[in-house]
Every structure is written in C-alpha cells, then in structure tokens.
C-alpha cells in the first residue's frame, strides 16, 4: 500500500490462502467492503501445495466435526462450479473416489462395520455416495494386489481439486470485487481505533473487523495478542509426476501416502508430516522416498518423470481441530486457521459460518464446538498432542 493512502473497509483479512480467500469471497457476497492483506503472495504458504485431496473422515464414531466436513464435501461441487462460472477459470475439481487397501483380517472386519455405518451416516439412498468393501484382487490394475491381500475399500465421496487453480479462481473473484494487496504483512490491530497495523508501512487501513487467516504464522500473532500459543506448524512435502493416461483413476491412500491423478495429465503424491524442520524447502531425499513408497503399491508410477516437488508449513492447532471465531478479549478480531489437511474441503463452509457470526445471520451449518475459540483457549489449551 502506498504511504499516506487512507482506506476504510468493513472486513480486513490477513492471509490469501484457502481460508482467507474463501472468507473474502463469502464476505463480498454478503455485501461487505473487503480488503485482503497477504504478507507474501497468493498461495505462498501451505495452501499453494500440489496434492488437492478432498477426503472424508471415516463413517465411524460419528461426531459434529465429521458431520460438518461431510456436509462441506457434499456442497463443495456446487460451490466451485459457481466460482468457475463467475471467473471463467477451472479449479480442477472431480469426484474421483478413493481406494484404501485392507492388509489384515482385523482391518477387513473393521471396514465391513464402517461400510454398514456409512449407510446411516452418508445416506447413499439420497446422496448416491457409497463406502464398499471389495474382494482381494479388485482394481489391481491400479493398486497392486500385493498391497491389499484382504481386499480394498472403494468409496465414492472422495474428490480432488487443483489447489493452485482453486486459489487462482478465488483470487480473481476477490480482485474483481474487492481489494487484494500482496506484500502487506499484518502485525497487529488497534481495536479501539479500528486500525490494522502493517509491517514497514505508514499507510492507514481502517476496518470494522479483522480476520487473521495467515496459516501457521497466525499462531505467533495470536500469541502476541492473547498471550496463548494454541498451535504449531508442521512441514509437509509432496510432488507431481507425469500422469499421462492416469486421469480417470481414483485416488489411493496407502502406506500413509496419497496418490491423486489430476485431469491435466499429472499425478500428485504426498504428503509427509514433520514436526521438526529447519527450512521450508523440499528435501531431495524425501522426494525420492515418496516416489519409491508410492511406486511400491502403485506400479503404474514407475519411471514417471518428476515434474515438481513442493514443501510447505501447514497450521495445526494443539487441539487438532481448526480454530475459527472471535479471539478472547476482543470484539472485532477473529481468527481462521489450523485446517491442517482438510482446509480445502471445508474452507467455503468455514467462510459461511464465520461471516454469519461477524455480520449477524444464520450459517448453513453451525461450527462444531471443537472448532470454536472456547475449545482452544484457557486452562486446557496445553492438552497433549501426541
């Protein structure tokens, strides 16, 4: 922002990742004057990854969090199709389905029970989405039969999106209807004055409400503002291989890795999760490991060209679930972070709920209690996170 520039908004958002841009989109559609301040560039954090797996929680031990995510995955397709129509950009979305290998008799029995519970939780008679156990050797043209000696689960709710294309479409919508400023790092908020504090910038930015949605770096700013550290960053690494001919295959989850074919002729593999890290760059050794592990259960990946590898720091709350809502001690300061691995599947529904809270109104789906600040802050905030 240019020095001396004065601007006033209803809602300011710190961070142009999937949460920040989704919230901005919801706020714009609610008639708010919006500015998004991004410390670096759009998608420069963990939202700019490669995998794009939109995978449901298992249909067992059902709870409000799982129901919230289920409803989000059901509504996401309509949401992204509307975004594509509004921007003229594809987000690379497809309801691709997912394969899970069954490696022991215990797992077979367990997933047979899950398949039964899915009839209650996923409502296949209404939604059409199924969770089925198939015999050994099923779909062996894609997942090696050796990796699934007791059969597989094949479920049809899972989907995928191109993270970077999704961000590109969201940012195009925001730029058209609001203000998006890159290289503008938010460092604080004078709530009494309604002034957003920016690093190394003398411009004036006034807002009615500020939302902190800057990924893992938000935890540090929240600690400065509240005195409580409620999350950390974890490094993830993924890569893209040449996937010509694999476009129609479902995603695989095996050996702790996802293999996700995309419709642009690539296939994504990932991702790792490291609590300890010294930098944010991809480690070549880890990329080789990902390829070797994925090829072991998915032979069609053998000798595929490595197109790109990626690493980023994902935000994870100590209490595991995302943190969404008003910060303790403030009236006009809100936070949205900690999505970890499920952010892309729930961001649009998170945005709807948060904007409803800020401007007053009813959300399509209320936030689970475990997403709300009361769950994350206070005497129980240092719960062990093993």
Protein backbone atom coordinates (compact mmCIF):
# COMPACT_ATOMS: atom_id res chain seq x y z
CA UNK A 1 0.00 0.00 0.00
CA UNK A 2 1.25 3.44 -0.84
CA UNK A 3 2.28 5.67 2.05
CA UNK A 4 -0.36 8.11 3.10
CA UNK A 5 -3.16 6.15 1.48
CA UNK A 6 -6.32 6.13 3.59
CA UNK A 7 -8.80 3.33 3.16
CA UNK A 8 -11.73 2.02 5.16
CA UNK A 9 -13.33 -1.42 4.98
CA UNK A 10 -15.96 -3.47 6.74
CA UNK A 11 -13.73 -6.53 6.91
CA UNK A 12 -9.97 -6.89 6.59
CA UNK A 13 -8.41 -10.33 6.18
CA UNK A 14 -4.78 -11.18 6.88
CA UNK A 15 -3.77 -14.01 4.56
CA UNK A 16 -4.54 -15.02 0.97
CA UNK A 17 -4.57 -18.79 1.32
CA UNK A 18 -7.61 -21.02 1.03
CA UNK A 19 -9.20 -19.80 4.28
CA UNK A 20 -8.51 -16.11 3.68
CA UNK A 21 -9.71 -16.06 0.08
CA UNK A 22 -12.77 -18.19 0.83
CA UNK A 23 -13.73 -15.87 3.69
CA UNK A 24 -13.20 -12.85 1.47
CA UNK A 25 -15.46 -14.36 -1.19
CA UNK A 26 -18.22 -15.04 1.36
CA UNK A 27 -17.88 -11.51 2.76
CA UNK A 28 -18.11 -9.94 -0.70
CA UNK A 29 -21.25 -11.92 -1.47
CA UNK A 30 -22.68 -10.72 1.85
CA UNK A 31 -22.26 -7.12 0.67
CA UNK A 32 -19.19 -6.24 2.74
CA UNK A 33 -16.35 -3.91 1.72
CA UNK A 34 -13.33 -6.22 1.89
CA UNK A 35 -9.56 -5.98 1.81
CA UNK A 36 -7.18 -8.94 1.88
CA UNK A 37 -3.61 -8.28 3.06
CA UNK A 38 -1.17 -11.02 2.11
CA UNK A 39 2.32 -10.97 3.64
CA UNK A 40 3.93 -12.51 0.53
CA UNK A 41 1.94 -13.69 -2.49
CA UNK A 42 -1.31 -15.56 -3.01
CA UNK A 43 -0.83 -19.20 -2.05
CA UNK A 44 2.74 -18.73 -0.87
CA UNK A 45 2.01 -20.76 2.27
CA UNK A 46 0.73 -24.30 2.64
CA UNK A 47 -2.36 -23.57 0.52
CA UNK A 48 -0.11 -23.43 -2.55
CA UNK A 49 0.55 -27.16 -2.42
CA UNK A 50 0.11 -29.85 -5.05
CA UNK A 51 -1.95 -32.72 -3.66
CA UNK A 52 -5.55 -31.47 -3.64
CA UNK A 53 -7.03 -34.50 -1.87
CA UNK A 54 -10.56 -33.85 -0.55
CA UNK A 55 -11.01 -36.93 1.57
CA UNK A 56 -13.87 -37.59 4.02
CA UNK A 57 -13.49 -38.73 7.59
CA UNK A 58 -14.31 -42.38 8.10
CA UNK A 59 -18.01 -43.17 8.74
CA UNK A 60 -17.38 -44.41 12.28
CA UNK A 61 -17.63 -42.83 15.75
CA UNK A 62 -19.68 -40.06 14.15
CA UNK A 63 -19.50 -36.60 15.72
CA UNK A 64 -20.28 -32.95 14.83
CA UNK A 65 -16.85 -32.45 13.24
CA UNK A 66 -17.37 -35.35 10.86
CA UNK A 67 -20.88 -34.19 10.04
CA UNK A 68 -19.62 -30.67 9.32
CA UNK A 69 -16.97 -31.98 6.94
CA UNK A 70 -19.45 -34.36 5.31
CA UNK A 71 -21.84 -31.51 4.58
CA UNK A 72 -18.96 -29.39 3.27
CA UNK A 73 -17.85 -32.10 0.85
CA UNK A 74 -21.44 -32.53 -0.33
CA UNK A 75 -21.81 -28.81 -1.11
CA UNK A 76 -18.34 -28.13 -2.47
CA UNK A 77 -19.04 -29.17 -6.04
CA UNK A 78 -21.86 -26.63 -6.45
CA UNK A 79 -19.65 -24.01 -4.79
CA UNK A 80 -16.72 -24.49 -7.15
CA UNK A 81 -18.93 -24.78 -10.24
CA UNK A 82 -20.40 -21.39 -9.39
CA UNK A 83 -16.92 -19.96 -8.88
CA UNK A 84 -15.84 -21.35 -12.25
CA UNK A 85 -18.86 -19.74 -13.90
CA UNK A 86 -18.14 -16.40 -12.24
CA UNK A 87 -14.43 -16.34 -13.10
CA UNK A 88 -14.14 -18.41 -16.26
CA UNK A 89 -11.39 -20.45 -14.58
CA UNK A 90 -11.31 -24.20 -13.92
CA UNK A 91 -10.41 -25.34 -10.41
CA UNK A 92 -9.60 -28.91 -11.46
CA UNK A 93 -12.39 -30.43 -9.37
CA UNK A 94 -13.52 -34.04 -9.80
CA UNK A 95 -15.39 -36.54 -7.64
CA UNK A 96 -12.64 -39.10 -8.14
CA UNK A 97 -13.35 -41.60 -5.34
CA UNK A 98 -10.75 -43.31 -3.19
CA UNK A 99 -9.20 -46.77 -2.69
CA UNK A 100 -7.99 -47.99 0.70
CA UNK A 101 -6.10 -51.31 0.96
CA UNK A 102 -7.05 -53.90 3.57
CA UNK A 103 -3.92 -55.54 4.91
CA UNK A 104 -5.18 -57.69 7.84
CA UNK A 105 -8.29 -59.61 8.82
CA UNK A 106 -8.85 -57.11 11.62
CA UNK A 107 -8.92 -54.24 9.13
CA UNK A 108 -11.26 -56.18 6.88
CA UNK A 109 -13.71 -56.73 9.74
CA UNK A 110 -13.35 -53.14 10.88
CA UNK A 111 -14.12 -51.72 7.44
CA UNK A 112 -17.04 -54.07 6.93
CA UNK A 113 -18.50 -52.41 10.03
CA UNK A 114 -17.69 -48.97 8.61
CA UNK A 115 -19.41 -49.90 5.37
CA UNK A 116 -22.56 -50.68 7.33
CA UNK A 117 -22.35 -47.45 9.30
CA UNK A 118 -21.84 -45.45 6.10
CA UNK A 119 -25.41 -46.37 5.13
CA UNK A 120 -26.57 -44.41 8.16
CA UNK A 121 -24.04 -41.55 8.01
CA UNK A 122 -23.60 -40.94 4.28
CA UNK A 123 -27.25 -41.51 3.28
CA UNK A 124 -26.41 -43.27 0.00
CA UNK A 125 -30.09 -43.52 -0.92
CA UNK A 126 -30.17 -39.70 -1.11
CA UNK A 127 -26.58 -38.70 -1.90
CA UNK A 128 -25.50 -41.63 -4.07
CA UNK A 129 -22.17 -41.87 -2.24
CA UNK A 130 -21.12 -45.33 -1.14
CA UNK A 131 -18.47 -46.99 1.00
CA UNK A 132 -17.97 -50.60 -0.09
CA UNK A 133 -15.57 -53.43 0.70
CA UNK A 134 -14.38 -55.24 -2.42
CA UNK A 135 -12.54 -58.59 -2.56
CA UNK A 136 -8.81 -59.19 -2.89
CA UNK A 137 -7.59 -58.50 -6.41
CA UNK A 138 -10.17 -55.80 -7.05
CA UNK A 139 -8.85 -52.82 -9.07
CA UNK A 140 -5.42 -54.45 -9.22
CA UNK A 141 -4.71 -52.58 -12.44
CA UNK A 142 -4.20 -49.52 -10.23
CA UNK A 143 -3.45 -50.60 -6.65
CA UNK A 144 -1.11 -53.59 -6.53
CA UNK A 145 -2.88 -56.74 -5.32
CA UNK A 146 0.13 -57.42 -3.10
CA UNK A 147 -0.60 -54.20 -1.20
CA UNK A 148 -4.17 -55.31 -0.42
CA UNK A 149 -4.20 -59.03 0.44
CA UNK A 150 -7.57 -58.83 2.20
CA UNK A 151 -9.33 -56.65 -0.36
CA UNK A 152 -9.98 -52.94 -0.60
CA UNK A 153 -12.39 -50.23 0.39
CA UNK A 154 -13.72 -48.20 -2.51
CA UNK A 155 -15.65 -45.08 -1.54
CA UNK A 156 -17.16 -42.54 -3.91
CA UNK A 157 -17.45 -39.42 -1.72
CA UNK A 158 -13.76 -38.51 -2.04
CA UNK A 159 -12.85 -35.80 -4.52
CA UNK A 160 -9.88 -33.74 -5.62
CA UNK A 161 -9.13 -30.21 -6.71
CA UNK A 162 -6.10 -28.41 -8.07
CA UNK A 163 -5.03 -26.25 -5.11
CA UNK A 164 -3.32 -23.63 -7.25
CA UNK A 165 -6.15 -23.40 -9.77
CA UNK A 166 -8.68 -23.06 -6.93
CA UNK A 167 -6.65 -20.24 -5.37
CA UNK A 168 -6.27 -18.57 -8.76
CA UNK A 169 -10.04 -18.55 -9.29
CA UNK A 170 -10.74 -17.28 -5.77
CA UNK A 171 -8.13 -14.53 -6.06
CA UNK A 172 -9.56 -13.48 -9.45
CA UNK A 173 -13.01 -13.14 -7.87
CA UNK A 174 -11.64 -11.16 -4.91
CA UNK A 175 -9.56 -8.85 -7.11
CA UNK A 176 -12.61 -8.10 -9.24
CA UNK A 177 -14.92 -7.26 -6.35
CA UNK A 178 -12.63 -6.10 -3.52
CA UNK A 179 -9.03 -5.17 -2.71
CA UNK A 180 -6.22 -7.73 -2.51
CA UNK A 181 -2.75 -6.45 -1.58
CA UNK A 182 0.32 -8.70 -1.70
CA UNK A 183 3.45 -7.89 0.29
CA UNK A 184 1.39 -6.42 3.14
CA UNK A 185 2.09 -8.21 6.43
CA UNK A 186 -0.35 -7.58 9.26
CA UNK A 187 1.47 -7.20 12.58
CA UNK A 188 -1.26 -6.02 14.94
CA UNK A 189 -4.66 -4.49 15.47
CA UNK A 190 -5.68 -1.39 17.40
CA UNK A 191 -9.28 -2.40 18.01
CA UNK A 192 -10.33 0.85 19.68
CA UNK A 193 -9.21 2.82 16.62
CA UNK A 194 -10.19 0.12 14.12
CA UNK A 195 -6.67 0.35 12.69
CA UNK A 196 -4.82 -2.55 11.13
CA UNK A 197 -1.07 -2.38 11.76
CA UNK A 198 1.14 -3.30 8.81
CA UNK A 199 4.84 -4.07 8.80
CA UNK A 200 7.07 -1.30 7.39
CA UNK A 201 4.08 0.60 6.07
CA UNK A 202 2.80 4.02 7.10
CA UNK A 203 -0.49 3.74 5.24
CA UNK A 204 -3.79 3.94 7.08
CA UNK A 205 -6.05 0.93 6.94
CA UNK A 206 -9.29 1.13 8.90
CA UNK A 207 -11.66 -1.77 9.35
CA UNK A 208 -14.70 -2.80 11.31
CA UNK A 209 -13.39 -6.32 11.79
CA UNK A 210 -10.06 -8.06 11.22
CA UNK A 211 -9.74 -11.77 10.48
CA UNK A 212 -6.37 -13.49 10.93
CA UNK A 213 -6.10 -16.25 8.33
CA UNK A 214 -2.39 -16.42 7.61
CA UNK A 215 -1.75 -20.13 8.16
CA UNK A 216 0.80 -21.27 10.73
CA UNK A 217 2.26 -17.78 11.15
CA UNK A 218 -1.11 -16.77 12.61
CA UNK A 219 -0.25 -18.71 15.77
CA UNK A 220 2.58 -16.30 16.58
CA UNK A 221 0.40 -13.24 16.05
CA UNK A 222 -2.41 -14.78 18.12
CA UNK A 223 0.09 -15.40 20.91
CA UNK A 224 1.15 -11.75 20.82
CA UNK A 225 -2.47 -10.64 21.03
CA UNK A 226 -3.78 -13.13 23.61
CA UNK A 227 -0.72 -14.46 25.44
CA UNK A 228 -1.61 -18.02 24.45
CA UNK A 229 0.09 -20.33 21.96
CA UNK A 230 -2.55 -22.60 20.54
CA UNK A 231 -0.84 -24.24 17.56
CA UNK A 232 2.28 -25.00 15.58
CA UNK A 233 3.49 -25.56 12.05
CA UNK A 234 4.23 -28.97 10.56
CA UNK A 235 6.21 -29.36 7.36
CA UNK A 236 4.63 -31.32 4.56
CA UNK A 237 6.19 -32.40 1.28
CA UNK A 238 4.57 -33.57 -1.94
CA UNK A 239 5.37 -33.87 -5.62
CA UNK A 240 3.89 -34.02 -9.09
CA UNK A 241 4.73 -36.74 -11.61
CA UNK A 242 3.81 -37.11 -15.25
CA UNK A 243 0.39 -38.77 -15.13
CA UNK A 244 -0.49 -39.19 -18.77
CA UNK A 245 -3.12 -41.90 -19.10
CA UNK A 246 -3.98 -41.93 -15.39
CA UNK A 247 -6.58 -39.16 -15.43
CA UNK A 248 -9.60 -41.37 -14.80
CA UNK A 249 -8.25 -43.36 -11.87
CA UNK A 250 -9.42 -42.84 -8.28
CA UNK A 251 -7.18 -41.56 -5.51
CA UNK A 252 -5.30 -44.14 -3.44
CA UNK A 253 -4.42 -43.88 0.24
CA UNK A 254 -1.80 -46.46 1.15
CA UNK A 255 1.27 -46.56 3.40
CA UNK A 256 0.44 -43.12 4.74
CA UNK A 257 0.54 -41.55 1.26
CA UNK A 258 -2.00 -40.28 -1.23
CA UNK A 259 -1.71 -40.80 -4.97
CA UNK A 260 -4.08 -38.37 -6.70
CA UNK A 261 -4.41 -38.24 -10.51
CA UNK A 262 -5.39 -34.83 -11.89
CA UNK A 263 -7.18 -34.03 -15.13
CA UNK A 264 -4.23 -32.11 -16.57
CA UNK A 265 -2.18 -35.28 -17.11
CA UNK A 266 -0.28 -35.18 -13.82
CA UNK A 267 -0.45 -37.27 -10.68
CA UNK A 268 0.27 -35.90 -7.19
CA UNK A 269 1.98 -37.91 -4.46
CA UNK A 270 2.13 -36.91 -0.82
CA UNK A 271 2.33 -35.84 1.73
CA UNK A 272 4.71 -36.15 4.63
CA UNK A 273 4.28 -34.57 8.04
CA UNK A 274 7.30 -33.44 10.07
CA UNK A 275 7.01 -31.61 13.38
CA UNK A 276 10.72 -30.83 13.38
CA UNK A 277 12.13 -28.91 10.44
CA UNK A 278 14.90 -26.41 9.72
CA UNK A 279 13.68 -24.92 6.44
CA UNK A 280 10.68 -24.82 4.14
CA UNK A 281 12.35 -26.25 1.04
CA UNK A 282 11.72 -29.69 -0.48
CA UNK A 283 14.30 -32.25 0.57
CA UNK A 284 15.51 -34.27 -2.45
CA UNK A 285 15.93 -37.38 -0.33
CA UNK A 286 12.36 -37.13 0.86
CA UNK A 287 11.11 -36.76 -2.71
CA UNK A 288 12.95 -39.96 -3.71
CA UNK A 289 11.40 -41.68 -0.72
CA UNK A 290 7.90 -40.57 -1.74
CA UNK A 291 8.37 -41.93 -5.26
CA UNK A 292 9.75 -45.26 -4.01
CA UNK A 293 6.97 -45.77 -1.48
CA UNK A 294 4.23 -44.81 -3.94
CA UNK A 295 5.62 -46.96 -6.74
CA UNK A 296 5.71 -49.97 -4.41
CA UNK A 297 1.91 -50.03 -4.17
CA UNK A 298 1.12 -48.28 -7.45
CA UNK A 299 3.35 -49.78 -10.18
CA UNK A 300 1.91 -47.54 -12.90
CA UNK A 301 4.00 -44.73 -11.37
CA UNK A 302 7.26 -46.49 -12.18
CA UNK A 303 9.72 -44.39 -14.20
CA UNK A 304 7.32 -41.42 -14.41
CA UNK A 305 9.02 -38.06 -14.85
CA UNK A 306 9.24 -35.91 -11.73
CA UNK A 307 7.77 -32.56 -12.75
CA UNK A 308 7.88 -30.65 -9.49
CA UNK A 309 8.28 -31.16 -5.78
CA UNK A 310 6.98 -28.88 -3.04
CA UNK A 311 7.20 -28.31 0.67
CA UNK A 312 5.23 -26.05 2.98
CA UNK A 313 4.38 -25.49 6.62
CA UNK A 314 0.82 -26.44 7.48
CA UNK A 315 -1.01 -24.98 10.50
CA UNK A 316 -2.03 -27.45 13.18
CA UNK A 317 -3.75 -26.48 16.43
CA UNK A 318 -2.69 -28.21 19.63
CA UNK A 319 -6.31 -29.32 19.96
CA UNK A 320 -6.17 -30.75 16.41
CA UNK A 321 -9.35 -29.15 15.06
CA UNK A 322 -9.34 -25.78 13.24
CA UNK A 323 -9.66 -22.56 15.24
CA UNK A 324 -12.48 -20.39 13.91
CA UNK A 325 -14.09 -17.40 15.61
CA UNK A 326 -13.61 -14.37 17.84
CA UNK A 327 -10.38 -14.12 19.81
CA UNK A 328 -10.75 -13.95 23.60
CA UNK A 329 -10.69 -10.37 24.90
CA UNK A 330 -11.71 -8.81 21.57
CA UNK A 331 -14.97 -7.84 19.92
CA UNK A 332 -13.84 -7.28 16.33
CA UNK A 333 -10.82 -9.56 15.97
CA UNK A 334 -11.34 -13.03 14.55
CA UNK A 335 -9.18 -15.97 13.50
CA UNK A 336 -9.42 -18.80 10.98
CA UNK A 337 -6.51 -21.22 10.94
CA UNK A 338 -5.44 -24.76 11.78
CA UNK A 339 -7.15 -26.58 8.92
CA UNK A 340 -4.06 -28.80 8.53
CA UNK A 341 -5.01 -31.44 5.92
CA UNK A 342 -8.74 -30.72 5.50
CA UNK A 343 -8.72 -26.99 4.69
CA UNK A 344 -9.66 -27.20 1.01
CA UNK A 345 -12.68 -29.37 1.66
CA UNK A 346 -14.21 -27.18 4.38
CA UNK A 347 -13.00 -23.63 3.62
CA UNK A 348 -16.19 -22.48 1.88
CA UNK A 349 -18.34 -23.70 4.77
CA UNK A 350 -15.96 -22.21 7.35
CA UNK A 351 -16.27 -18.90 5.49
CA UNK A 352 -20.05 -19.01 5.50
CA UNK A 353 -20.17 -19.67 9.25
CA UNK A 354 -17.59 -17.02 10.18
CA UNK A 355 -19.14 -14.26 8.08
CA UNK A 356 -22.55 -15.10 9.57
CA UNK A 357 -21.02 -14.67 13.03
CA UNK A 358 -19.42 -11.34 12.15
CA UNK A 359 -22.30 -9.60 10.38
CA UNK A 360 -25.16 -11.39 12.11
CA UNK A 361 -27.14 -14.07 10.41
CA UNK A 362 -27.60 -17.80 10.11
CA UNK A 363 -24.92 -20.12 8.80
CA UNK A 364 -25.90 -23.02 6.58
CA UNK A 365 -24.05 -25.27 9.02
CA UNK A 366 -23.01 -24.22 12.51
CA UNK A 367 -19.39 -24.65 13.52
CA UNK A 368 -18.71 -27.65 15.76
CA UNK A 369 -17.86 -26.69 19.34
CA UNK A 370 -14.37 -28.13 18.85
CA UNK A 371 -13.69 -25.53 16.14
CA UNK A 372 -14.60 -22.60 18.36
CA UNK A 373 -12.18 -20.49 20.45
CA UNK A 374 -13.62 -21.69 23.78
CA UNK A 375 -12.29 -25.15 22.94
CA UNK A 376 -8.78 -23.94 22.15
CA UNK A 377 -8.10 -21.23 24.74
CA UNK A 378 -7.92 -21.43 28.51
CA UNK A 379 -6.78 -23.94 31.11
CA UNK A 380 -6.96 -26.94 28.79
CA UNK A 381 -5.02 -25.41 25.90
CA UNK A 382 -1.86 -27.36 26.57
CA UNK A 383 -3.55 -30.72 26.08
CA UNK A 384 -1.04 -33.34 24.98
CA UNK A 385 -0.92 -33.64 21.21
CA UNK A 386 0.66 -37.00 20.75
